[in-house]
C-alpha atoms as a PDB file:
ATOM      1  CA  MET A   1     143.483 105.412  31.630  1.00  0.00           C
ATOM      2  CA  ARG A   2     144.787 108.969  31.332  1.00  0.00           C
ATOM      3  CA  ARG A   3     145.981 108.876  34.927  1.00  0.00           C
ATOM      4  CA  GLN A   4     147.881 105.655  34.257  1.00  0.00           C
ATOM      5  CA  ILE A   5     149.864 107.143  31.387  1.00  0.00           C
ATOM      6  CA  LEU A   6     150.588 110.382  33.233  1.00  0.00           C
ATOM      7  CA  VAL A   7     151.729 108.562  36.356  1.00  0.00           C
ATOM      8  CA  ALA A   8     153.863 106.139  34.429  1.00  0.00           C
ATOM      9  CA  VAL A   9     155.491 108.332  31.824  1.00  0.00           C
ATOM     10  CA  VAL A  10     155.298 112.056  32.310  1.00  0.00           C
ATOM     11  CA  LEU A  11     155.361 112.699  36.044  1.00  0.00           C
ATOM     12  CA  ALA A  12     157.029 109.711  37.633  1.00  0.00           C
ATOM     13  CA  LEU A  13     160.505 109.206  36.208  1.00  0.00           C
ATOM     14  CA  GLY A  14     162.821 110.529  38.894  1.00  0.00           C
ATOM     15  CA  ALA A  15     166.522 109.736  39.138  1.00  0.00           C
ATOM     16  CA  THR A  16     169.960 111.190  39.620  1.00  0.00           C
ATOM     17  CA  ALA A  17     173.290 109.947  38.334  1.00  0.00           C
ATOM     18  CA  CYS A  18     176.649 111.388  37.481  1.00  0.00           C
ATOM     19  CA  GLY A  19     177.976 111.764  33.961  1.00  0.00           C
ATOM     20  CA  ASP A  20     181.468 110.419  34.487  1.00  0.00           C
ATOM     21  CA  GLN A  21     183.287 108.522  31.775  1.00  0.00           C
ATOM     22  CA  THR A  22     181.512 105.288  30.918  1.00  0.00           C
ATOM     23  CA  ARG A  23     183.062 102.103  29.662  1.00  0.00           C
ATOM     24  CA  MET A  24     184.187 102.258  26.063  1.00  0.00           C
ATOM     25  CA  GLY A  25     181.357 101.697  23.609  1.00  0.00           C
ATOM     26  CA  ALA A  26     178.646 102.289  26.212  1.00  0.00           C
ATOM     27  CA  ALA A  27     175.848 104.845  25.967  1.00  0.00           C
ATOM     28  CA  ALA A  28     174.951 104.226  29.615  1.00  0.00           C
ATOM     29  CA  THR A  29     176.146 101.889  32.335  1.00  0.00           C
ATOM     30  CA  PHE A  30     174.415 100.553  35.447  1.00  0.00           C
ATOM     31  CA  GLY A  31     177.119  99.474  37.867  1.00  0.00           C
ATOM     32  CA  ASP A  32     177.854  95.801  37.242  1.00  0.00           C
ATOM     33  CA  ALA A  33     174.574  95.234  35.343  1.00  0.00           C
ATOM     34  CA  PRO A  34     174.465  94.989  31.534  1.00  0.00           C
ATOM     35  CA  ARG A  35     175.034  98.299  29.830  1.00  0.00           C
ATOM     36  CA  ILE A  36     173.221 100.001  26.973  1.00  0.00           C
ATOM     37  CA  SER A  37     175.841 100.025  24.230  1.00  0.00           C
ATOM     38  CA  GLU A  38     176.216 102.758  21.651  1.00  0.00           C
ATOM     39  CA  ALA A  39     175.485 100.142  18.971  1.00  0.00           C
ATOM     40  CA  GLU A  40     172.214  99.192  20.692  1.00  0.00           C
ATOM     41  CA  LEU A  41     171.257 102.828  21.015  1.00  0.00           C
ATOM     42  CA  SER A  42     172.095 103.496  17.360  1.00  0.00           C
ATOM     43  CA  THR A  43     169.854 100.605  16.291  1.00  0.00           C
ATOM     44  CA  ALA A  44     167.017 101.859  18.489  1.00  0.00           C
ATOM     45  CA  VAL A  45     167.371 105.414  17.162  1.00  0.00           C
ATOM     46  CA  THR A  46     167.322 104.207  13.560  1.00  0.00           C
ATOM     47  CA  GLU A  47     164.191 102.172  14.275  1.00  0.00           C
ATOM     48  CA  TRP A  48     162.490 105.152  15.927  1.00  0.00           C
ATOM     49  CA  ARG A  49     163.316 107.409  12.994  1.00  0.00           C
ATOM     50  CA  ASP A  50     162.024 104.834  10.503  1.00  0.00           C
ATOM     51  CA  SER A  51     158.797 104.544  12.503  1.00  0.00           C
ATOM     52  CA  TYR A  52     158.436 108.312  12.609  1.00  0.00           C
ATOM     53  CA  ARG A  53     158.880 108.613   8.848  1.00  0.00           C
ATOM     54  CA  GLU A  54     156.120 106.042   8.363  1.00  0.00           C
ATOM     55  CA  ASN A  55     153.878 107.790  10.916  1.00  0.00           C
ATOM     56  CA  PRO A  56     154.856 111.490  10.967  1.00  0.00           C
ATOM     57  CA  LEU A  57     152.804 112.704  13.928  1.00  0.00           C
ATOM     58  CA  PRO A  58     152.398 116.445  14.532  1.00  0.00           C
ATOM     59  CA  ALA A  59     154.879 117.866  17.024  1.00  0.00           C
ATOM     60  CA  GLN A  60     152.146 118.415  19.611  1.00  0.00           C
ATOM     61  CA  GLN A  61     151.458 114.677  19.655  1.00  0.00           C
ATOM     62  CA  LEU A  62     155.059 113.781  20.453  1.00  0.00           C
ATOM     63  CA  THR A  63     156.174 113.441  24.072  1.00  0.00           C
ATOM     64  CA  LEU A  64     159.935 113.165  23.654  1.00  0.00           C
ATOM     65  CA  ALA A  65     162.313 113.403  26.579  1.00  0.00           C
ATOM     66  CA  ASP A  66     164.462 115.849  24.590  1.00  0.00           C
ATOM     67  CA  PRO A  67     162.821 117.188  21.400  1.00  0.00           C
ATOM     68  CA  GLU A  68     166.196 118.576  20.292  1.00  0.00           C
ATOM     69  CA  SER A  69     167.879 115.166  20.130  1.00  0.00           C
ATOM     70  CA  THR A  70     166.507 111.812  19.049  1.00  0.00           C
ATOM     71  CA  PRO A  71     169.417 109.841  20.571  1.00  0.00           C
ATOM     72  CA  ARG A  72     168.980 111.483  23.973  1.00  0.00           C
ATOM     73  CA  SER A  73     165.211 111.040  23.844  1.00  0.00           C
ATOM     74  CA  VAL A  74     165.505 107.332  23.067  1.00  0.00           C
ATOM     75  CA  LEU A  75     168.301 106.734  25.568  1.00  0.00           C
ATOM     76  CA  SER A  76     166.367 108.517  28.307  1.00  0.00           C
ATOM     77  CA  ARG A  77     163.399 106.198  27.793  1.00  0.00           C
ATOM     78  CA  LEU A  78     165.579 103.079  27.647  1.00  0.00           C
ATOM     79  CA  ILE A  79     167.172 104.070  30.949  1.00  0.00           C
ATOM     80  CA  ALA A  80     163.736 104.723  32.452  1.00  0.00           C
ATOM     81  CA  ILE A  81     162.661 101.201  31.473  1.00  0.00           C
ATOM     82  CA  ARG A  82     165.716  99.778  33.263  1.00  0.00           C
ATOM     83  CA  VAL A  83     164.963 101.810  36.384  1.00  0.00           C
ATOM     84  CA  SER A  84     161.340 100.630  36.522  1.00  0.00           C
ATOM     85  CA  GLU A  85     162.372  97.005  36.068  1.00  0.00           C
ATOM     86  CA  GLN A  86     164.856  97.308  38.920  1.00  0.00           C
ATOM     87  CA  ALA A  87     162.267  99.010  41.115  1.00  0.00           C
ATOM     88  CA  ALA A  88     159.911  96.082  40.496  1.00  0.00           C
ATOM     89  CA  GLU A  89     162.609  93.534  41.324  1.00  0.00           C
ATOM     90  CA  ASP A  90     163.559  95.370  44.510  1.00  0.00           C
ATOM     91  CA  ARG A  91     159.949  95.470  45.702  1.00  0.00           C
ATOM     92  CA  GLY A  92     158.823  92.032  44.550  1.00  0.00           C
ATOM     93  CA  ILE A  93     156.400  93.441  41.989  1.00  0.00           C
ATOM     94  CA  GLU A  94     155.380  90.960  39.318  1.00  0.00           C
ATOM     95  CA  VAL A  95     153.880  91.810  35.935  1.00  0.00           C
ATOM     96  CA  SER A  96     152.274  89.089  33.841  1.00  0.00           C
ATOM     97  CA  SER A  97     152.086  88.947  30.069  1.00  0.00           C
ATOM     98  CA  ALA A  98     148.307  89.136  30.421  1.00  0.00           C
ATOM     99  CA  GLN A  99     148.595  92.433  32.283  1.00  0.00           C
ATOM    100  CA  VAL A 100     150.820  93.838  29.549  1.00  0.00           C
ATOM    101  CA  ASP A 101     148.370  92.608  26.906  1.00  0.00           C
ATOM    102  CA  ASP A 102     145.510  94.234  28.778  1.00  0.00           C
ATOM    103  CA  PHE A 103     147.309  97.570  28.905  1.00  0.00           C
ATOM    104  CA  VAL A 104     148.093  97.435  25.185  1.00  0.00           C
ATOM    105  CA  SER A 105     144.443  96.679  24.437  1.00  0.00           C
ATOM    106  CA  GLN A 106     143.286  99.585  26.596  1.00  0.00           C
ATOM    107  CA  VAL A 107     145.629 102.038  24.909  1.00  0.00           C
ATOM    108  CA  THR A 108     144.766 100.978  21.375  1.00  0.00           C
ATOM    109  CA  ARG A 109     141.146  99.951  22.026  1.00  0.00           C
ATOM    110  CA  ASP A 110     142.112  96.614  20.503  1.00  0.00           C
ATOM    111  CA  GLY A 111     143.724  98.360  17.537  1.00  0.00           C
ATOM    112  CA  GLY A 112     146.622  95.912  17.427  1.00  0.00           C
ATOM    113  CA  ASP A 113     150.415  96.031  17.509  1.00  0.00           C
ATOM    114  CA  GLU A 114     150.745  98.544  14.684  1.00  0.00           C
ATOM    115  CA  LEU A 115     148.679 101.161  16.485  1.00  0.00           C
ATOM    116  CA  PHE A 116     150.535 100.480  19.728  1.00  0.00           C
ATOM    117  CA  GLY A 117     153.808 100.973  17.839  1.00  0.00           C
ATOM    118  CA  VAL A 118     152.653 104.468  16.870  1.00  0.00           C
ATOM    119  CA  PHE A 119     151.735 105.142  20.503  1.00  0.00           C
ATOM    120  CA  THR A 120     155.139 104.064  21.794  1.00  0.00           C
ATOM    121  CA  MET A 121     156.912 105.961  19.015  1.00  0.00           C
ATOM    122  CA  SER A 122     155.150 109.136  20.160  1.00  0.00           C
ATOM    123  CA  TYR A 123     156.948 108.752  23.506  1.00  0.00           C
ATOM    124  CA  GLY A 124     160.379 108.185  21.959  1.00  0.00           C
ATOM    125  CA  ILE A 125     160.210 104.392  22.191  1.00  0.00           C
ATOM    126  CA  PRO A 126     161.103 102.267  19.137  1.00  0.00           C
ATOM    127  CA  PRO A 127     158.317  99.764  18.374  1.00  0.00           C
ATOM    128  CA  SER A 128     160.546  96.775  19.174  1.00  0.00           C
ATOM    129  CA  HIS A 129     160.754  98.046  22.773  1.00  0.00           C
ATOM    130  CA  GLY A 130     156.987  98.545  22.995  1.00  0.00           C
ATOM    131  CA  ARG A 131     156.221  95.702  25.376  1.00  0.00           C
ATOM    132  CA  GLU A 132     159.067  96.767  27.667  1.00  0.00           C
ATOM    133  CA  PHE A 133     157.487 100.225  27.680  1.00  0.00           C
ATOM    134  CA  ALA A 134     154.081  98.724  28.475  1.00  0.00           C
ATOM    135  CA  ARG A 135     155.637  96.720  31.325  1.00  0.00           C
ATOM    136  CA  MET A 136     157.190  99.936  32.632  1.00  0.00           C
ATOM    137  CA  ILE A 137     153.801 101.622  32.748  1.00  0.00           C
ATOM    138  CA  VAL A 138     152.187  98.653  34.508  1.00  0.00           C
ATOM    139  CA  ILE A 139     155.052  98.553  37.023  1.00  0.00           C
ATOM    140  CA  ASN A 140     154.787 102.269  37.722  1.00  0.00           C
ATOM    141  CA  ASN A 141     151.040 101.990  38.232  1.00  0.00           C
ATOM    142  CA  LYS A 142     151.662  99.209  40.743  1.00  0.00           C
ATOM    143  CA  LEU A 143     154.177 101.462  42.498  1.00  0.00           C
ATOM    144  CA  ALA A 144     151.346 103.983  42.864  1.00  0.00           C
ATOM    145  CA  THR A 145     149.082 101.492  44.650  1.00  0.00           C
ATOM    146  CA  GLY A 146     147.525 102.839  47.829  1.00  0.00           C
ATOM    147  CA  ALA A 147     148.114 106.511  47.111  1.00  0.00           C
ATOM    148  CA  PRO A 148     145.088 108.601  48.124  1.00  0.00           C
ATOM    149  CA  SER A 149     145.243 111.029  45.181  1.00  0.00           C
ATOM    150  CA  ASP A 150     146.842 111.543  41.792  1.00  0.00           C
ATOM    151  CA  ALA A 151     149.353 113.976  43.298  1.00  0.00           C
ATOM    152  CA  ALA A 152     150.264 111.497  46.009  1.00  0.00           C
ATOM    153  CA  ALA A 153     150.531 108.708  43.434  1.00  0.00           C
ATOM    154  CA  ASN A 154     152.901 110.770  41.313  1.00  0.00           C
ATOM    155  CA  GLU A 155     155.075 111.556  44.316  1.00  0.00           C
ATOM    156  CA  GLN A 156     155.032 107.944  45.517  1.00  0.00           C
ATOM    157  CA  VAL A 157     156.212 106.636  42.148  1.00  0.00           C
ATOM    158  CA  HIS A 158     158.735 109.445  41.787  1.00  0.00           C
ATOM    159  CA  GLN A 159     160.284 108.645  45.151  1.00  0.00           C
ATOM    160  CA  ALA A 160     160.436 104.908  44.435  1.00  0.00           C
ATOM    161  CA  LEU A 161     162.134 105.398  41.079  1.00  0.00           C
ATOM    162  CA  THR A 162     164.507 108.039  42.416  1.00  0.00           C
ATOM    163  CA  GLN A 163     165.607 105.731  45.231  1.00  0.00           C
ATOM    164  CA  THR A 164     166.090 102.874  42.801  1.00  0.00           C
ATOM    165  CA  ALA A 165     168.018 104.897  40.232  1.00  0.00           C
ATOM    166  CA  GLN A 166     170.354 106.363  42.812  1.00  0.00           C
ATOM    167  CA  ALA A 167     171.320 102.838  43.879  1.00  0.00           C
ATOM    168  CA  MET A 168     171.919 101.653  40.314  1.00  0.00           C
ATOM    169  CA  GLY A 169     175.125 103.581  39.681  1.00  0.00           C
ATOM    170  CA  ILE A 170     173.866 105.015  36.384  1.00  0.00           C
ATOM    171  CA  GLN A 171     176.524 106.752  34.331  1.00  0.00           C
ATOM    172  CA  VAL A 172     175.887 108.366  30.960  1.00  0.00           C
ATOM    173  CA  ASN A 173     178.349 108.733  28.115  1.00  0.00           C
ATOM    174  CA  PRO A 174     179.124 112.497  27.914  1.00  0.00           C
ATOM    175  CA  ARG A 175     178.291 112.309  24.207  1.00  0.00           C
ATOM    176  CA  TYR A 176     174.634 111.971  25.202  1.00  0.00           C
ATOM    177  CA  GLY A 177     174.368 113.988  28.366  1.00  0.00           C
ATOM    178  CA  SER A 178     175.866 115.289  31.581  1.00  0.00           C
ATOM    179  CA  GLY A 179     173.753 112.939  33.706  1.00  0.00           C
ATOM    180  CA  TYR A 180     170.326 111.417  34.264  1.00  0.00           C
ATOM    181  CA  ASP A 181     168.298 113.747  36.451  1.00  0.00           C
ATOM    182  CA  ASP A 182     164.535 113.819  37.152  1.00  0.00           C
ATOM    183  CA  GLY A 183     163.861 111.265  34.462  1.00  0.00           C
ATOM    184  CA  LEU A 184     165.722 113.119  31.720  1.00  0.00           C
ATOM    185  CA  LEU A 185     169.156 113.075  30.216  1.00  0.00           C
ATOM    186  CA  GLN A 186     170.618 116.490  30.794  1.00  0.00           C
ATOM    187  CA  PRO A 187     172.274 118.075  27.708  1.00  0.00           C
ATOM    188  CA  PRO A 188     176.020 117.527  27.340  1.00  0.00           C
ATOM    189  CA  VAL A 189     178.212 120.196  28.829  1.00  0.00           C
ATOM    190  CA  THR A 190     179.956 120.488  25.464  1.00  0.00           C
ATOM    191  CA  ARG A 191     178.128 119.391  22.346  1.00  0.00           C
ATOM    192  CA  LEU A 192     180.249 117.228  20.064  1.00  0.00           C
ATOM    193  CA  SER A 193     178.218 117.953  16.945  1.00  0.00           C
ATOM    194  CA  THR A 194     175.550 120.264  15.621  1.00  0.00           C
ATOM    195  CA  ARG A 195     172.192 120.139  17.321  1.00  0.00           C
ATOM    196  CA  GLU A 196     169.952 117.372  16.069  1.00  0.00           C
ATOM    197  CA  SER A 197     166.263 117.622  15.360  1.00  0.00           C
ATOM    198  CA  GLY A 198     164.063 115.375  17.479  1.00  0.00           C
ATOM    199  CA  THR A 199     162.206 114.274  14.329  1.00  0.00           C
ATOM    200  CA  ALA A 200     165.192 113.740  12.027  1.00  0.00           C
END
């Protein structure tokens, strides 16, 4: 179980994209595919913050993409979900609802949706995106199939996601970062406001 989470979340989110101007009102764009709007991101950030206030985990239990900024942490994860979904589509990988349910049960030991919401929140994922996050993990584990070791699995998934992301034409609004590189939104070249706390 531990290997699954590490492969899927911490070590296997590779991508590169430029940070050119995005379409107005977009937090991130993906070529001709649907964008992530600033309004959608704002809603997701608000939900994450509300969840955190209800379940204030210690800092050492949070695995945020950017602990200094909640918006960048959430956006980074939402982009990662998109990349995994595209990687699955490109490679004909299918994920059933039963497989997602099984993963949720494993993580929570049948503790239910509320406990899984706390788990996803700890990774910078709003609870309403929890099943998408679970699908991402299942997809990434499938991408690791056949690897002879954990290190090889991590590299195999990393390469698959990097290849996919590079073909997706990802562009990030400069308000949130200078690009999407190695699974993270890089900090903006020029910050437009004071630094935010990752737990605000």
